Amino acid sequence: MEHNGGTTRPAQNRWQPTTFLRFEESLDTSMGTMRIVTDAGSAYIKAMGNRQGPHPLACEWVATNLAKWFGLTTFAFAIMEIDAEFDEIPFFHGGMAASGPAFVTRSASGHTWGGSKKELKSLVNEADVSKLVVFDTWVRNCDRYPPDLTVRGPNFDNVFLEDVSGKLRLIAMDHSHCFSCGRDLDDRLAHIDSVKDDQLYGLFPAFEPLIREKHVEVGIARLKELEQKIVSEIVETIPDEWKVTSQAALALTDFVYRRAEFIAETVLKPIGRRCWPNRLFDKRN
């Protein structure tokens, strides 16, 4: 698959570290996330050589770009080259980050959500709660709040609350299990059962009192604006080193585009059944 040498990046990303300066901490996560310092400041890195393989890096990159396009608040993010000969970055469970492109996000002041409703009362971007549910359902993010809790549990750590002048801002983070739930990307992704999966993703019970029909509608309207070219241009920037085949890239593009159409037409009713079960639309302010 041709990616112009893996150097093309979507234009909206202004933060771009280029040099690893020092290692700070390894975290016990599925992707072996590590905290480092770069020439652009403190950052978190998901690198090649992790236990999950390279495809979750591609999912992280594509889904975070889609979240940004969708209008959600994300960390500043980028791809940075690692040279393992000089950049010694150890994983929590052993081994070192391998050479090649890594996904990095800029550190922010705040904390991961503990799951309480009380914390959400001081959000400066409450509308993002509704939009996040639409987004997670669109990209089938099974690693925030999955539709089937008998398969995997909720992950409160994938919701970050950034400190903003005494208030909190919801940031959507960690999208490595979008699209395929951690499995390798292949042409099966575009099968109709995946595109038309009608389960809800990302709807924590503590989110339900904050869900508003008008905010869900904003997310739906944004999905209706999606053009296949937008998805293709993001997918084409996946570095070759992450080993996503041309067939898998086409399937991913097709899945994202066609599922946006499906979710735009269907997602309001299941959200309504959960959040305002006694009426079709939420009339609360």
Protein backbone atom coordinates (compact mmCIF):
# COMPACT_ATOMS: atom_id res chain seq x y z
CA MET A 1 0.00 0.00 0.00
CA GLU A 2 1.40 3.35 -0.99
CA HIS A 3 1.72 5.92 1.79
CA ASN A 4 4.25 8.36 0.32
CA GLY A 5 6.99 6.84 2.40
CA GLY A 6 4.85 7.00 5.54
CA THR A 7 5.53 10.71 5.95
CA THR A 8 2.21 12.32 5.00
CA ARG A 9 0.13 13.37 7.99
CA PRO A 10 -3.30 15.02 8.22
CA ALA A 11 -2.84 18.79 8.27
CA GLN A 12 -4.83 19.46 11.44
CA ASN A 13 -2.12 18.09 13.71
CA ARG A 14 0.14 20.99 14.70
CA TRP A 15 2.01 19.32 17.56
CA GLN A 16 4.89 17.28 16.15
CA PRO A 17 7.68 15.91 18.35
CA THR A 18 10.67 14.65 16.37
CA THR A 19 13.26 13.63 18.96
CA PHE A 20 13.19 11.30 21.95
CA LEU A 21 15.02 12.87 24.89
CA ARG A 22 14.49 10.56 27.85
CA PHE A 23 12.38 7.74 29.26
CA GLU A 24 10.25 8.35 32.37
CA GLU A 25 7.83 5.49 33.09
CA SER A 26 6.40 2.25 31.69
CA LEU A 27 2.69 1.61 32.22
CA ASP A 28 0.95 -1.75 32.65
CA THR A 29 -1.40 -1.47 29.66
CA SER A 30 -2.25 -3.80 26.79
CA MET A 31 -0.25 -1.63 24.39
CA GLY A 32 2.64 -1.08 26.79
CA THR A 33 2.19 2.69 26.87
CA MET A 34 5.20 4.63 28.17
CA ARG A 35 5.74 8.18 29.37
CA ILE A 36 8.69 9.92 27.75
CA VAL A 37 10.10 13.40 27.19
CA THR A 38 10.47 14.66 23.63
CA ASP A 39 11.73 17.85 22.03
CA ALA A 40 8.07 18.98 22.12
CA GLY A 41 7.60 18.21 25.80
CA SER A 42 6.27 15.35 27.90
CA ALA A 43 4.35 12.70 25.96
CA TYR A 44 2.87 9.22 26.08
CA ILE A 45 4.01 6.76 23.44
CA LYS A 46 2.66 3.54 21.94
CA ALA A 47 5.48 1.96 20.03
CA MET A 48 6.20 -0.91 17.69
CA GLY A 49 7.27 -4.08 19.45
CA ASN A 50 4.28 -3.96 21.81
CA ARG A 51 2.50 -7.21 22.70
CA GLN A 52 -0.59 -6.38 20.63
CA GLY A 53 1.26 -5.89 17.35
CA PRO A 54 1.20 -3.03 14.85
CA HIS A 55 -2.47 -3.06 13.80
CA PRO A 56 -3.76 -1.48 17.04
CA LEU A 57 -1.38 1.40 16.31
CA ALA A 58 -3.15 1.85 12.96
CA CYS A 59 -6.54 1.73 14.71
CA GLU A 60 -5.34 4.32 17.22
CA TRP A 61 -4.12 6.64 14.48
CA VAL A 62 -7.17 6.37 12.25
CA ALA A 63 -9.76 6.53 15.04
CA THR A 64 -8.12 9.49 16.78
CA ASN A 65 -8.04 11.38 13.48
CA LEU A 66 -11.71 10.53 13.02
CA ALA A 67 -12.49 11.71 16.56
CA LYS A 68 -10.79 15.01 15.76
CA TRP A 69 -12.78 15.34 12.51
CA PHE A 70 -15.97 14.44 14.38
CA GLY A 71 -15.45 17.35 16.75
CA LEU A 72 -14.44 15.56 19.93
CA THR A 73 -11.71 16.88 22.18
CA THR A 74 -8.58 14.73 21.91
CA PHE A 75 -5.03 15.01 23.14
CA ALA A 76 -2.60 16.57 20.69
CA PHE A 77 -1.26 13.55 18.80
CA ALA A 78 1.30 12.67 16.17
CA ILE A 79 3.53 9.97 14.74
CA MET A 80 7.18 10.05 15.77
CA GLU A 81 10.04 7.89 14.51
CA ILE A 82 11.90 5.80 17.08
CA ASP A 83 15.43 4.51 16.52
CA ALA A 84 15.89 1.60 18.92
CA GLU A 85 19.67 1.74 18.52
CA PHE A 86 19.70 5.03 20.42
CA ASP A 87 16.21 5.40 21.94
CA GLU A 88 16.01 2.94 24.84
CA ILE A 89 12.35 2.77 25.86
CA PRO A 90 11.44 -0.32 27.96
CA PHE A 91 7.99 -1.92 28.03
CA PHE A 92 6.44 -2.69 31.44
CA HIS A 93 6.42 -6.45 30.79
CA GLY A 94 9.89 -6.60 29.28
CA GLY A 95 11.45 -5.87 25.94
CA MET A 96 12.16 -2.55 24.30
CA ALA A 97 10.32 -0.32 21.86
CA ALA A 98 11.30 -1.27 18.32
CA SER A 99 12.51 1.07 15.62
CA GLY A 100 9.84 2.65 13.46
CA PRO A 101 6.86 5.00 13.69
CA ALA A 102 5.18 5.29 17.08
CA PHE A 103 1.90 6.94 18.10
CA VAL A 104 2.46 9.75 20.62
CA THR A 105 0.15 12.06 22.54
CA ARG A 106 1.04 15.20 24.44
CA SER A 107 0.73 15.02 28.22
CA ALA A 108 -2.08 17.02 29.81
CA SER A 109 -2.90 18.01 33.37
CA GLY A 110 -5.74 15.92 34.74
CA HIS A 111 -6.73 12.36 35.60
CA THR A 112 -8.57 9.37 34.25
CA TRP A 113 -12.24 9.15 35.20
CA GLY A 114 -13.13 7.08 38.26
CA GLY A 115 -16.66 6.35 37.03
CA SER A 116 -18.62 8.70 39.30
CA LYS A 117 -21.49 10.92 38.15
CA LYS A 118 -20.29 13.68 40.47
CA GLU A 119 -17.10 14.28 38.48
CA LEU A 120 -19.08 14.80 35.29
CA LYS A 121 -21.14 17.65 36.76
CA SER A 122 -18.28 20.13 36.27
CA LEU A 123 -17.57 19.37 32.60
CA VAL A 124 -16.97 22.35 30.36
CA ASN A 125 -17.83 20.24 27.31
CA GLU A 126 -20.91 18.31 28.44
CA ALA A 127 -22.09 17.98 24.83
CA ASP A 128 -19.11 15.72 24.17
CA VAL A 129 -20.66 13.03 26.39
CA SER A 130 -23.50 12.51 23.90
CA LYS A 131 -21.20 12.83 20.90
CA LEU A 132 -18.74 10.34 22.37
CA VAL A 133 -21.44 7.67 22.49
CA VAL A 134 -22.30 8.31 18.84
CA PHE A 135 -18.60 8.18 17.96
CA ASP A 136 -17.85 4.99 19.90
CA THR A 137 -20.83 3.29 18.29
CA TRP A 138 -19.71 4.44 14.84
CA VAL A 139 -16.17 3.05 15.23
CA ARG A 140 -17.24 0.07 17.34
CA ASN A 141 -14.95 0.95 20.23
CA CYS A 142 -15.20 -2.10 22.48
CA ASP A 143 -12.60 -0.80 24.95
CA ARG A 144 -14.46 2.07 26.63
CA TYR A 145 -17.91 0.74 27.49
CA PRO A 146 -18.62 -2.39 25.42
CA PRO A 147 -22.15 -3.48 24.51
CA ASP A 148 -21.73 -6.90 26.16
CA LEU A 149 -20.30 -6.76 29.68
CA THR A 150 -20.10 -10.55 29.83
CA VAL A 151 -17.32 -10.42 27.23
CA ARG A 152 -15.29 -7.52 28.64
CA GLY A 153 -15.78 -4.94 31.35
CA PRO A 154 -15.97 -1.15 31.22
CA ASN A 155 -12.71 0.76 31.03
CA PHE A 156 -12.95 4.03 32.95
CA ASP A 157 -9.26 4.69 32.23
CA ASN A 158 -10.18 5.44 28.61
CA VAL A 159 -12.00 8.61 29.64
CA PHE A 160 -9.66 11.43 30.64
CA LEU A 161 -10.71 14.52 32.57
CA GLU A 162 -8.40 17.44 31.85
CA ASP A 163 -8.03 20.24 34.39
CA VAL A 164 -9.26 23.52 32.92
CA SER A 165 -9.29 26.49 35.32
CA GLY A 166 -11.00 24.60 38.12
CA LYS A 167 -13.32 22.74 35.76
CA LEU A 168 -12.90 19.49 33.85
CA ARG A 169 -12.83 18.78 30.13
CA LEU A 170 -13.72 15.35 28.80
CA ILE A 171 -11.08 13.95 26.45
CA ALA A 172 -11.63 10.82 24.39
CA MET A 173 -8.50 8.69 24.56
CA ASP A 174 -7.14 5.27 23.65
CA HIS A 175 -8.71 4.04 20.43
CA SER A 176 -6.49 1.02 19.77
CA HIS A 177 -9.44 -1.40 19.98
CA CYS A 178 -11.74 0.42 17.56
CA PHE A 179 -13.07 -1.21 14.37
CA SER A 180 -11.90 -4.80 15.08
CA CYS A 181 -11.80 -5.01 18.89
CA GLY A 182 -8.08 -5.68 18.91
CA ARG A 183 -8.01 -8.23 16.10
CA ASP A 184 -5.87 -7.75 13.02
CA LEU A 185 -7.36 -5.60 10.28
CA ASP A 186 -8.37 -7.58 7.19
CA ASP A 187 -10.97 -7.57 4.43
CA ARG A 188 -13.60 -9.14 6.73
CA LEU A 189 -13.98 -5.75 8.40
CA ALA A 190 -16.31 -4.51 5.66
CA HIS A 191 -18.74 -7.43 5.99
CA ILE A 192 -22.33 -6.36 6.40
CA ASP A 193 -22.63 -7.77 9.95
CA SER A 194 -19.90 -5.39 11.09
CA VAL A 195 -21.21 -2.40 9.18
CA LYS A 196 -24.75 -2.94 10.50
CA ASP A 197 -23.90 -3.93 14.06
CA ASP A 198 -26.80 -2.29 15.94
CA GLN A 199 -25.33 -2.45 19.45
CA LEU A 200 -24.51 0.70 21.42
CA TYR A 201 -20.93 1.36 22.43
CA GLY A 202 -19.56 3.81 24.97
CA LEU A 203 -22.75 4.45 26.95
CA PHE A 204 -21.65 4.25 30.59
CA PRO A 205 -24.64 4.29 32.99
CA ALA A 206 -23.17 7.46 34.55
CA PHE A 207 -23.34 9.12 31.13
CA GLU A 208 -27.09 8.58 30.74
CA PRO A 209 -28.32 11.64 32.73
CA LEU A 210 -26.11 13.87 30.56
CA ILE A 211 -27.22 12.57 27.18
CA ARG A 212 -29.25 15.13 25.24
CA GLU A 213 -31.14 14.56 22.03
CA LYS A 214 -29.90 17.85 20.57
CA HIS A 215 -26.28 16.82 21.13
CA VAL A 216 -26.85 13.37 19.66
CA GLU A 217 -28.36 15.11 16.64
CA VAL A 218 -25.20 17.21 16.27
CA GLY A 219 -23.19 14.00 16.06
CA ILE A 220 -25.62 12.50 13.58
CA ALA A 221 -25.46 15.61 11.39
CA ARG A 222 -21.68 15.41 11.39
CA LEU A 223 -21.75 11.76 10.29
CA LYS A 224 -23.99 12.77 7.37
CA GLU A 225 -21.25 15.17 6.23
CA LEU A 226 -18.64 12.42 5.95
CA GLU A 227 -17.19 11.87 2.48
CA GLN A 228 -15.37 8.70 1.54
CA LYS A 229 -12.42 10.82 0.42
CA ILE A 230 -11.95 12.06 3.99
CA VAL A 231 -11.67 8.51 5.28
CA SER A 232 -9.38 7.46 2.43
CA GLU A 233 -7.00 10.34 3.06
CA ILE A 234 -6.69 9.39 6.73
CA VAL A 235 -6.24 5.67 6.04
CA GLU A 236 -3.60 6.41 3.41
CA THR A 237 -1.41 7.98 6.10
CA ILE A 238 -1.04 4.70 8.01
CA PRO A 239 2.71 4.02 7.97
CA ASP A 240 3.78 1.03 5.89
CA GLU A 241 5.66 -0.34 8.89
CA TRP A 242 2.36 -1.03 10.64
CA LYS A 243 1.69 -3.72 8.02
CA VAL A 244 -1.90 -2.93 7.04
CA THR A 245 -2.38 -4.51 3.61
CA SER A 246 -4.00 -2.71 0.69
CA GLN A 247 -7.03 -5.00 0.96
CA ALA A 248 -7.38 -4.28 4.68
CA ALA A 249 -7.03 -0.53 4.10
CA LEU A 250 -9.79 -0.60 1.49
CA ALA A 251 -12.00 -2.63 3.82
CA LEU A 252 -11.36 -0.20 6.69
CA THR A 253 -12.22 2.78 4.49
CA ASP A 254 -15.39 1.08 3.27
CA PHE A 255 -16.40 0.09 6.80
CA VAL A 256 -15.93 3.57 8.27
CA TYR A 257 -17.82 5.29 5.46
CA ARG A 258 -20.74 2.88 5.18
CA ARG A 259 -21.11 2.54 8.94
CA ALA A 260 -21.35 6.32 9.28
CA GLU A 261 -24.41 6.20 7.01
CA PHE A 262 -25.92 3.33 9.01
CA ILE A 263 -25.32 4.92 12.41
CA ALA A 264 -26.66 8.30 11.27
CA GLU A 265 -29.95 6.61 10.39
CA THR A 266 -30.28 4.31 13.40
CA VAL A 267 -28.44 5.45 16.53
CA LEU A 268 -30.96 7.92 17.99
CA LYS A 269 -33.62 5.34 18.90
CA PRO A 270 -31.42 2.94 20.91
CA ILE A 271 -29.86 5.88 22.74
CA GLY A 272 -33.37 7.18 23.46
CA ARG A 273 -34.51 3.82 24.80
CA ARG A 274 -31.65 3.92 27.31
CA CYS A 275 -31.63 7.61 28.25
CA TRP A 276 -35.25 8.76 28.01
CA PRO A 277 -37.23 5.50 27.81
CA ASN A 278 -40.67 7.04 28.26
CA ARG A 279 -40.48 9.30 25.22
CA LEU A 280 -38.99 9.21 21.76
CA PHE A 281 -37.08 12.44 22.17
CA ASP A 282 -35.44 14.02 25.19
CA LYS A 283 -37.17 17.35 25.97
CA ARG A 284 -34.96 18.20 28.93
CA ASN A 285 -32.83 21.35 28.69
